[in-house]
Protein backbone atom coordinates (compact mmCIF):
# COMPACT_ATOMS: atom_id res chain seq x y z
CA MET A 1 109.85 64.79 124.61
CA MET A 2 108.93 60.56 125.71
CA GLN A 3 112.80 60.00 125.34
CA MET A 4 114.04 63.19 126.88
CA MET A 5 111.85 62.79 130.00
CA SER A 6 113.00 58.67 130.14
CA LEU A 7 109.23 57.84 130.12
CA HIS A 8 109.70 54.77 128.53
CA THR A 9 112.01 53.53 131.45
CA PHE A 10 110.53 55.41 134.10
CA ASP A 11 109.22 52.59 135.83
CA ARG A 12 112.55 52.02 137.52
CA THR A 13 113.32 55.14 138.11
CA TYR A 14 109.94 57.09 139.25
CA PRO A 15 109.92 57.76 143.38
CA ALA A 16 107.41 55.12 145.28
CA LYS A 17 106.12 57.84 147.41
CA PHE A 18 106.52 61.77 147.86
CA PRO A 19 107.07 63.76 150.44
CA SER A 20 103.47 64.61 151.91
CA HIS A 21 104.03 68.11 151.14
CA LEU A 22 104.44 67.73 147.74
CA GLN A 23 101.14 67.74 145.43
CA LEU A 24 101.84 66.64 142.39
CA SER A 25 99.53 67.34 138.97
CA PRO A 26 97.12 64.33 138.19
CA LEU A 27 99.00 64.97 134.82
CA LEU A 28 102.01 63.32 136.43
CA SER A 29 100.86 60.86 138.03
CA ARG A 30 102.49 57.59 137.44
CA GLU A 31 99.50 55.98 135.63
CA ALA A 32 99.31 58.93 133.27
CA LEU A 33 102.92 59.43 132.33
CA ARG A 34 103.09 55.67 131.57
CA ARG A 35 99.86 55.90 129.51
CA LEU A 36 102.27 59.28 127.48
CA ALA A 37 104.42 56.77 126.79
CA TRP A 38 102.11 54.32 125.40
CA SER A 39 100.15 56.25 122.91
CA THR A 40 103.94 57.53 121.89
CA PHE A 41 104.14 53.63 121.02
CA PHE A 42 100.73 53.57 119.59
CA PHE A 43 101.14 56.06 117.02
CA ASP A 44 104.67 54.93 116.04
CA SER A 45 103.53 51.12 115.39
CA MET A 46 100.78 52.43 113.30
CA ILE A 47 102.72 55.26 110.64
CA ASP A 48 105.99 53.26 109.65
CA GLY A 49 103.82 51.95 107.14
CA GLY A 50 105.34 48.16 107.65
CA ARG A 51 108.91 49.37 106.21
CA TYR A 52 111.20 47.81 108.25
CA GLY A 53 113.59 50.01 110.02
CA PHE A 54 110.97 53.07 109.43
CA HIS A 55 110.59 54.11 113.19
CA SER A 56 111.65 55.94 116.29
CA VAL A 57 110.38 53.55 118.96
CA ASP A 58 111.80 49.79 119.50
CA GLU A 59 109.16 47.67 121.23
CA ASN A 60 112.55 46.07 123.03
CA SER A 61 113.21 49.24 124.88
CA TYR A 62 110.00 49.88 126.86
CA ARG A 63 110.44 48.89 129.88
CA LEU A 64 107.06 49.65 131.36
CA GLN A 65 103.90 48.03 132.49
CA LEU A 66 101.02 48.19 129.93
CA PRO A 67 98.22 51.02 131.32
CA CYS A 68 95.69 49.58 134.53
CA ASP A 69 91.72 49.26 134.16
CA GLN A 70 90.07 52.59 134.15
CA ALA A 71 89.20 52.49 137.97
CA SER A 72 92.79 52.29 139.17
CA PHE A 73 93.73 55.10 136.99
CA LEU A 74 90.86 57.52 138.15
CA GLY A 75 91.74 56.82 141.86
CA ASN A 76 95.57 57.39 141.37
CA GLU A 77 96.24 54.27 142.64
CA ASN A 78 99.48 52.65 142.70
CA VAL A 79 98.73 48.78 140.88
CA VAL A 80 100.96 46.41 139.22
CA THR A 81 99.69 45.23 135.41
CA GLU A 82 102.18 43.38 133.59
CA ARG A 83 104.38 44.34 130.47
CA LEU A 84 104.36 44.06 127.11
CA PHE A 85 106.22 40.49 126.62
CA PRO A 86 104.37 38.00 129.39
CA GLU A 87 107.54 36.01 129.95
CA SER A 88 108.76 39.29 131.42
CA ASN A 89 106.13 40.02 133.92
CA ALA A 90 107.62 37.61 136.78
CA ASN A 91 110.71 39.81 136.65
CA ALA A 92 108.44 42.98 136.91
CA ARG A 93 106.47 41.88 139.89
CA ALA A 94 109.78 41.22 142.28
CA SER A 95 111.19 44.04 141.01
CA ILE A 96 108.37 46.62 142.03
CA GLY A 97 107.07 44.39 145.60
CA ASN A 98 104.01 44.29 147.40
CA ALA A 99 101.89 47.25 145.16
CA GLN A 100 98.37 45.88 144.23
CA GLN A 101 97.91 43.46 141.48
CA ALA A 102 94.87 45.51 138.60
CA PRO A 103 94.00 43.82 135.73
CA LEU A 104 94.51 45.37 132.13
CA ASP A 105 93.15 48.31 130.81
CA ILE A 106 91.55 47.32 127.00
CA TRP A 107 94.29 49.65 125.59
CA ALA A 108 97.34 47.31 126.99
CA TYR A 109 95.44 44.59 124.45
CA VAL A 110 95.06 46.94 121.90
CA LEU A 111 98.99 47.97 122.37
CA ARG A 112 99.92 43.77 122.27
CA ILE A 113 98.00 44.00 119.04
CA ALA A 114 99.69 46.42 117.64
CA ALA A 115 102.98 45.26 118.50
CA ALA A 116 102.20 41.98 116.87
CA ARG A 117 100.70 43.95 114.11
CA ARG A 118 104.60 45.75 113.53
CA ARG A 119 106.33 42.26 113.83
CA ALA A 120 104.03 40.78 111.03
CA LEU A 121 104.29 44.13 108.96
CA HIS A 122 108.00 43.62 109.25
CA PHE A 123 108.04 40.41 108.54
CA ALA A 124 105.96 40.65 105.41
CA PHE A 125 108.64 43.56 103.87
CA ARG A 126 111.47 41.32 104.29
CA ALA A 127 109.50 38.57 102.69
CA SER A 128 108.85 41.12 99.84
CA HIS A 129 112.78 41.28 99.11
CA ARG A 130 113.42 37.65 98.66
CA GLY A 131 116.33 38.03 100.17
CA ARG A 132 116.31 34.71 101.92
CA THR A 133 115.28 31.35 101.01
CA VAL A 134 111.71 29.93 101.07
CA GLU A 135 112.55 27.20 104.23
CA GLU A 136 114.26 29.81 105.89
CA MET A 137 110.97 32.31 105.39
CA THR A 138 108.75 29.19 106.21
CA ALA A 139 110.15 28.74 109.42
CA GLU A 140 110.28 32.31 110.53
CA LEU A 141 106.47 32.42 109.17
CA ALA A 142 105.75 29.66 111.69
CA ILE A 143 106.88 31.81 114.23
CA ILE A 144 105.56 34.77 113.78
CA GLU A 145 102.14 32.38 113.32
CA ALA A 146 102.74 31.52 116.87
CA ASP A 147 103.20 34.65 117.86
CA VAL A 148 99.90 35.57 116.88
CA GLU A 149 98.14 33.29 117.54
CA SER A 150 99.41 33.73 121.65
CA VAL A 151 98.80 37.58 121.22
CA VAL A 152 94.98 36.66 120.47
CA SER A 153 94.67 33.99 122.50
CA ASP A 154 95.31 35.85 125.56
CA LEU A 155 92.34 38.80 125.63
CA PRO A 156 89.93 37.51 128.05
CA LYS A 157 86.66 37.12 127.37
CA ARG A 158 85.64 40.72 129.11
CA PHE A 159 86.84 42.00 125.78
CA HIS A 160 85.69 39.18 123.46
CA PHE A 161 83.11 40.31 120.87
CA ASN A 162 79.53 39.38 121.53
CA THR A 163 76.09 41.33 121.88
CA ASP A 164 76.99 42.01 125.54
CA ASN A 165 80.24 42.73 125.69
CA VAL A 166 79.20 45.57 122.62
CA PHE A 167 76.68 46.77 125.42
CA ILE A 168 79.06 46.59 128.42
CA HIS A 169 81.76 48.64 126.71
CA ARG A 170 79.34 51.50 124.74
CA ASP A 171 81.22 54.23 126.77
CA ARG A 172 84.11 53.14 125.04
CA LEU A 173 83.39 51.55 121.86
CA LEU A 174 85.40 53.31 119.74
CA THR A 175 88.12 51.44 121.41
CA PHE A 176 86.45 47.91 121.58
CA LEU A 177 85.93 48.27 117.76
CA LEU A 178 89.68 49.15 117.06
CA LEU A 179 90.85 46.14 119.46
CA HIS A 180 88.86 43.96 117.24
CA VAL A 181 89.58 45.05 114.11
CA MET A 182 92.78 45.26 114.07
CA ARG A 183 92.88 41.56 116.09
CA HIS A 184 91.34 40.73 112.42
CA ASN A 185 93.78 42.65 110.21
CA LEU A 186 96.73 41.03 112.25
CA PHE A 187 95.68 37.78 110.89
CA ILE A 188 95.30 39.60 107.05
CA ILE A 189 98.91 40.81 107.37
CA VAL A 190 100.01 37.39 108.38
CA GLY A 191 98.16 35.71 105.67
CA ARG A 192 99.82 38.14 103.12
CA ALA A 193 103.31 37.11 104.46
CA ALA A 194 102.30 33.24 103.93
CA LEU A 195 101.38 34.34 100.10
CA LEU A 196 104.71 36.21 99.33
CA VAL A 197 106.48 33.09 100.87
CA TYR A 198 104.13 30.21 99.63
CA GLN A 199 104.35 31.79 95.79
CA ARG A 200 107.97 31.10 95.64
CA ASP A 201 107.46 27.69 95.45
CA SER A 202 105.08 25.78 93.36
CA THR A 203 104.89 22.89 95.62
CA LYS A 204 102.62 24.83 98.26
CA ALA A 205 100.28 25.97 95.81
CA ASP A 206 97.18 24.12 97.85
CA LEU A 207 98.45 26.27 101.02
CA VAL A 208 98.10 29.59 98.96
CA ALA A 209 94.41 29.13 98.01
CA HIS A 210 93.52 28.02 101.32
CA VAL A 211 95.20 31.59 102.53
CA ARG A 212 92.97 33.13 100.70
CA ARG A 213 90.27 31.62 102.01
CA LYS A 214 91.43 32.46 105.62
CA ARG A 215 92.38 36.13 104.88
CA ILE A 216 88.87 36.42 103.30
CA SER A 217 87.21 34.65 106.72
CA HIS A 218 88.69 37.95 108.65
CA ALA A 219 88.23 40.62 106.33
CA LEU A 220 83.79 39.39 106.61
CA PRO A 221 84.00 40.03 110.02
CA ILE A 222 85.96 43.13 110.24
CA ALA A 223 82.71 44.72 107.95
CA SER A 224 80.30 43.50 110.90
CA ILE A 225 82.36 45.16 113.37
CA LEU A 226 82.30 48.63 111.93
CA ALA A 227 78.40 47.77 110.93
CA GLU A 228 77.56 47.95 115.19
CA GLY A 229 79.93 51.06 114.69
CA LEU A 230 77.41 52.68 112.01
CA LYS A 231 74.52 51.01 114.06
CA VAL A 232 75.19 53.66 117.04
CA GLY A 233 76.82 56.40 115.05
CA VAL A 234 79.97 56.65 117.15
CA VAL A 235 82.37 58.58 115.98
CA LEU A 236 85.49 56.33 114.44
CA ASP A 237 89.07 56.62 114.07
CA PRO A 238 90.57 57.04 110.32
CA HIS A 239 92.73 54.61 111.26
CA LEU A 240 89.87 52.41 110.70
CA GLY A 241 89.19 54.13 107.33
CA ILE A 242 92.16 52.28 106.23
CA GLN A 243 91.28 48.37 107.50
CA ALA A 244 87.80 49.31 105.91
CA TYR A 245 89.40 49.69 102.25
CA VAL A 246 92.19 47.13 102.88
CA ALA A 247 88.75 44.65 103.61
CA LEU A 248 87.18 45.70 100.95
CA GLU A 249 89.53 45.28 98.56
CA ILE A 250 90.13 40.76 99.94
CA LEU A 251 86.65 40.57 99.32
CA LEU A 252 86.75 42.51 95.69
CA PHE A 253 90.14 40.00 95.07
CA GLU A 254 90.44 36.74 96.68
CA PRO A 255 87.25 35.13 95.65
CA ARG A 256 87.97 36.02 92.19
CA ARG A 257 91.19 34.58 92.80
CA LEU A 258 89.83 31.75 94.00
CA ALA A 259 87.37 31.00 91.68
CA GLU A 260 89.76 30.64 88.85
CA ILE A 261 90.57 27.41 90.89
CA ASP A 262 87.49 26.38 92.47
CA PRO A 263 84.01 27.00 90.15
CA TYR A 264 82.37 26.95 93.57
CA VAL A 265 83.63 30.02 94.48
CA ASP A 266 80.91 32.90 93.35
CA PRO A 267 82.46 36.37 93.77
CA LYS A 268 79.49 38.18 94.14
CA ALA A 269 77.98 35.19 96.93
CA PRO A 270 75.67 36.91 99.27
CA ASP A 271 78.10 37.20 102.16
CA PHE A 272 80.32 39.37 99.92
CA MET A 273 77.33 41.65 98.70
CA VAL A 274 76.10 42.60 102.04
CA ALA A 275 79.52 43.59 103.49
CA ILE A 276 81.08 45.84 100.97
CA PRO A 277 78.52 48.48 101.45
CA ASP A 278 79.04 48.72 105.46
CA LEU A 279 82.91 49.07 104.39
CA LEU A 280 82.26 51.65 101.45
CA THR A 281 80.36 53.92 104.13
CA VAL A 282 83.39 53.61 106.61
CA ILE A 283 85.61 54.82 103.72
CA ARG A 284 83.55 57.33 102.54
CA ASP A 285 82.33 58.93 105.57
CA LEU A 286 86.03 59.28 107.06
CA GLY A 287 87.42 60.72 103.87
CA HIS A 288 85.58 64.00 104.72
CA ARG A 289 88.15 63.84 107.63
CA SER A 290 91.62 61.83 106.43
CA GLU A 291 93.35 63.29 103.51
CA VAL A 292 94.33 59.59 103.62
CA VAL A 293 91.16 57.92 103.66
CA ARG A 294 89.97 60.08 101.04
CA GLN A 295 92.72 59.22 98.12
CA LEU A 296 91.33 55.26 99.69
CA HIS A 297 87.70 56.51 99.24
CA ILE A 298 89.03 57.04 95.48
CA GLU A 299 90.94 53.86 94.72
CA ALA A 300 87.34 52.17 95.96
CA VAL A 301 85.59 53.70 93.13
CA HIS A 302 87.56 52.57 91.05
CA ARG A 303 87.95 49.36 92.21
CA LEU A 304 84.12 49.06 92.26
CA LEU A 305 83.28 49.96 89.03
CA ARG A 306 86.04 47.88 87.64
CA PHE A 307 84.24 45.05 89.24
CA ASN A 308 80.58 45.84 88.18
CA CYS A 309 79.87 46.82 91.42
CA GLY A 310 78.47 50.06 90.69
CA GLN A 311 74.89 49.18 92.84
CA PHE A 312 76.80 50.16 95.85
CA LEU A 313 77.89 53.89 94.48
CA ASN A 314 76.17 56.87 95.57
CA GLN A 315 76.27 60.73 93.98
CA VAL A 316 79.40 61.57 96.84
CA ASP A 317 81.01 58.25 94.83
CA ILE A 318 80.71 59.70 92.02
CA GLU A 319 81.97 63.12 92.43
CA ALA A 320 84.88 61.68 94.02
CA PHE A 321 85.25 59.87 91.06
CA GLN A 322 84.74 62.82 88.74
CA SER A 323 87.51 64.83 90.83
CA GLY A 324 90.73 65.32 89.14
CA TYR A 325 93.31 62.80 90.68
CA ARG A 326 96.84 61.33 90.58
CA LEU A 327 96.51 57.82 91.73
CA VAL A 328 99.55 56.55 93.59
CA GLY A 329 99.69 52.98 93.78
CA GLN A 330 99.29 51.65 90.03
CA ASP A 331 98.78 47.78 90.44
CA LEU A 332 95.70 46.05 89.09
CA ALA A 333 95.26 44.40 92.70
CA GLU A 334 95.60 45.55 95.50
CA PHE A 335 96.82 49.19 96.93
CA ASP A 336 100.53 49.63 97.73
CA PHE A 337 100.38 52.13 101.39
CA ARG A 338 104.27 52.11 100.94
CA ASP A 339 103.09 54.57 97.97
CA PHE A 340 102.33 57.27 99.95
CA ARG A 341 105.35 59.92 99.85
CA TRP A 342 103.54 62.52 100.98
CA ALA A 343 106.29 65.29 99.68
CA LYS A 344 106.06 63.82 96.15
CA VAL A 345 102.39 63.87 96.13
CA GLU A 346 102.71 67.35 96.99
CA ARG A 347 104.84 68.32 94.17
CA ILE A 348 102.53 66.54 92.02
CA ARG A 349 99.09 68.85 93.42
CA ARG A 350 101.24 71.84 92.17
CA GLY A 351 102.26 70.79 89.43
CA ALA A 352 105.65 70.58 89.46
CA PRO A 353 107.35 68.73 86.30
CA SER A 354 110.10 66.66 88.36
CA ALA A 355 106.89 64.60 89.64
CA ALA A 356 105.44 63.90 86.90
CA THR A 357 106.93 60.28 85.74
CA GLY A 358 107.13 59.37 89.38
CA GLY A 359 108.24 55.54 89.08
CA GLY A 360 110.95 55.01 91.14
CA ASP A 361 112.50 56.05 94.45
CA GLU A 362 115.42 57.66 92.39
CA VAL A 363 112.75 60.41 91.27
CA LEU A 364 113.04 61.81 94.31
CA LEU A 365 116.24 63.26 93.54
CA GLU A 366 115.53 65.28 90.57
CA TYR A 367 118.00 65.63 88.61
CA ARG A 368 118.89 67.50 85.90
CA VAL A 369 121.24 67.26 82.67
CA ASP A 370 122.44 70.90 80.71
CA GLY A 371 118.73 71.94 81.38
CA ASP A 372 116.71 69.38 80.97
CA THR A 373 115.21 66.34 83.25
CA ALA A 374 117.16 62.84 82.75
CA ALA A 375 115.27 60.35 81.68
CA HIS A 376 114.20 58.56 84.70
CA THR A 377 114.92 54.51 84.96
CA VAL A 378 111.13 52.73 86.35
CA ALA A 379 112.71 50.30 88.92
CA PRO A 380 109.76 49.27 91.14
CA SER A 381 110.39 48.32 94.76
CA PRO A 382 108.73 44.91 95.73
CA ARG A 383 105.12 45.00 96.77
CA LEU A 384 103.37 43.49 99.66
CA ASP A 385 100.15 43.48 97.96
CA ALA A 386 100.53 42.70 94.31
CA ILE A 387 100.35 38.89 94.44
CA ASP A 388 99.46 37.22 91.01
CA VAL A 389 98.89 40.08 89.04
CA ASN A 390 101.77 39.81 86.09
CA SER A 391 99.91 41.92 83.06
CA ALA A 392 101.26 45.31 81.54
CA LEU A 393 99.11 47.06 79.89
CA GLY A 394 100.83 49.44 77.34
CA TRP A 395 98.16 50.83 74.96
CA SER A 396 98.77 54.01 72.78
CA PRO A 397 98.21 57.02 74.92
CA LEU A 398 96.37 58.78 72.36
CA VAL A 399 93.92 55.48 71.40
CA GLN A 400 90.09 56.30 71.87
CA SER A 401 87.05 53.97 71.50
CA ALA A 402 83.47 54.26 71.54
CA PRO A 403 82.04 55.25 74.49
CA SER A 404 80.08 52.76 76.67
CA THR A 405 76.73 52.79 78.57
CA ALA A 406 77.96 50.63 81.21
CA SER A 407 78.84 54.66 82.73
CA HIS A 408 74.88 54.70 82.31
CA THR A 409 74.13 51.57 84.86
CA VAL A 410 75.28 54.01 87.81
CA GLY A 411 74.57 56.88 87.23
CA LEU A 412 77.27 58.54 85.67
CA SER A 413 76.92 62.14 83.61
CA GLU A 414 78.25 61.88 80.41
CA GLY A 415 80.57 64.65 81.03
CA PRO A 416 83.04 67.04 78.90
CA ARG A 417 84.69 64.65 76.61
CA LEU A 418 88.68 64.67 77.33
CA ASP A 419 89.62 64.98 73.01
CA ASP A 420 92.58 65.97 72.07
CA HIS A 421 93.05 69.21 73.09
CA GLY A 422 91.65 68.67 76.46
CA LEU A 423 94.02 66.05 76.67
CA GLU A 424 96.93 68.60 76.35
CA SER A 425 95.70 71.43 77.88
CA THR A 426 95.48 68.58 81.13
CA ARG A 427 99.43 67.83 80.56
CA SER A 428 99.94 71.35 79.95
CA GLU A 429 97.96 72.35 83.29
CA TYR A 430 100.28 69.86 85.50
CA GLY A 431 103.65 70.25 83.80
CA LEU A 432 103.40 66.63 81.89
CA LEU A 433 103.22 68.12 78.35
CA ASP A 434 107.42 66.94 77.67
CA GLU A 435 107.07 64.05 80.20
CA PRO A 436 107.20 61.36 77.07
CA SER A 437 106.99 58.37 79.26
CA LEU A 438 103.64 58.64 80.63
CA ASP A 439 101.44 56.35 80.56
CA TRP A 440 98.18 58.04 80.35
CA PRO A 441 95.53 55.05 78.94
CA TRP A 442 95.21 52.90 81.89
CA LEU A 443 95.15 54.17 85.51
CA LEU A 444 96.35 51.17 87.43
CA GLU A 445 98.76 49.52 85.63
CA GLU A 446 101.11 47.33 87.62
CA SER A 447 104.84 48.65 87.02
CA GLY A 448 104.36 51.50 85.18
CA PRO A 449 104.64 55.09 86.30
CA SER A 450 101.44 57.11 88.09
CA VAL A 451 98.87 58.36 86.56
CA TYR A 452 96.72 61.33 86.31
CA GLN A 453 93.07 60.45 86.32
CA THR A 454 90.98 62.99 85.34
CA GLY A 455 87.28 61.59 86.53
CA ASP A 456 85.81 61.53 82.47
CA PRO A 457 83.63 58.87 82.75
CA GLU A 458 83.54 58.16 79.08
CA THR A 459 87.42 58.14 79.30
CA PHE A 460 87.57 55.55 82.11
CA TRP A 461 84.75 52.98 80.35
CA SER A 462 86.45 52.85 77.61
CA GLN A 463 89.76 51.98 79.43
CA LEU A 464 88.05 49.09 80.83
CA GLU A 465 86.78 47.68 77.21
CA ARG A 466 90.46 47.06 76.70
CA ILE A 467 90.97 44.86 79.83
């Protein structure tokens, strides 16, 4: 609809004045239509998952000025602001004429950060495929870093995150929190891209450690920002649940990676232990309203248990852990958001045998030979969030070990024992009885096919003992 109405270019075609006898609806005012176009741009920038080319709107096609302040919008004033890219602002003012200059709305800065975030994600996606040399990617990384610094430094003082501004923007606190969570996430994404580049060159080992520390330094403020929202009871956007999960993973994994080379790094330092509960609370609460965050909630519980952080879990977390769930990501480290293939997940939920292996994208073709499913080749795609994870666990699927006492430390009930008969019935229920390629024992194998986690505590803890 936005493209059919040419809203992305209507600043050049919208009449400056209308005849006095025409009374337009406020919904058709210049700024209202402009905000409709920008809302399309925002959602398109946030849902492409970082896959290069998987978006509908090109930022270079937008010839609109950014949203103006609320007072000018509500007063239906014809004002001039700025474009998405600052270098085009001079030409924009010359073309509009003597219209009144107005400050930018807070959403204008959210849009600029969203656009920079997409550019950083697309760079990380290209870096994951290693199609260019390290020198070429390093030069492009420097451009991305300069772009990010420029976008963030343009934020005016009235929108900086501090106690006074939290009070000033209390009526639009959700947008204010979203702005700053996305600001820190922008640096986290650039850090991920830097790791993808630097780890290809052994001479840049010192830079890898520096990037990991920088990612931690941006994950901690995300927890503090979300804690402000929890304190006042603001209804958070589901997208903040995704950012909370990303920050949680960083606080779980990055300190442990640094501890391998620096004995002074404590993976359970007080700063990390204070931040994790707030992040988990956001994920838990938003999981009731968002299917995406609900799945991430279960992933978060598994990772917290794996790192002996069960003291942060409550009964809701335990119930989520015990629910039957097929883990979409298989990496031992961070979750790969590109694995959200909703069609495949839906077929798995319905128990379709063709989706059982789910190792590579070719599974979606469901090619059959003589009535039998052909053996699928498992060719994992490059991952944005799987650095320094090279172990491939391959235990026999029917091996069982003695139950661990660790399950009692987090209040997990014993639950029914998953014996051979129970395992066979579970496989049969989900159409997996004749799938020899499934790797059942460990739910987070790096390169193997997706697995079904029953939520049985006894089985889970026996799996942990093998790590």
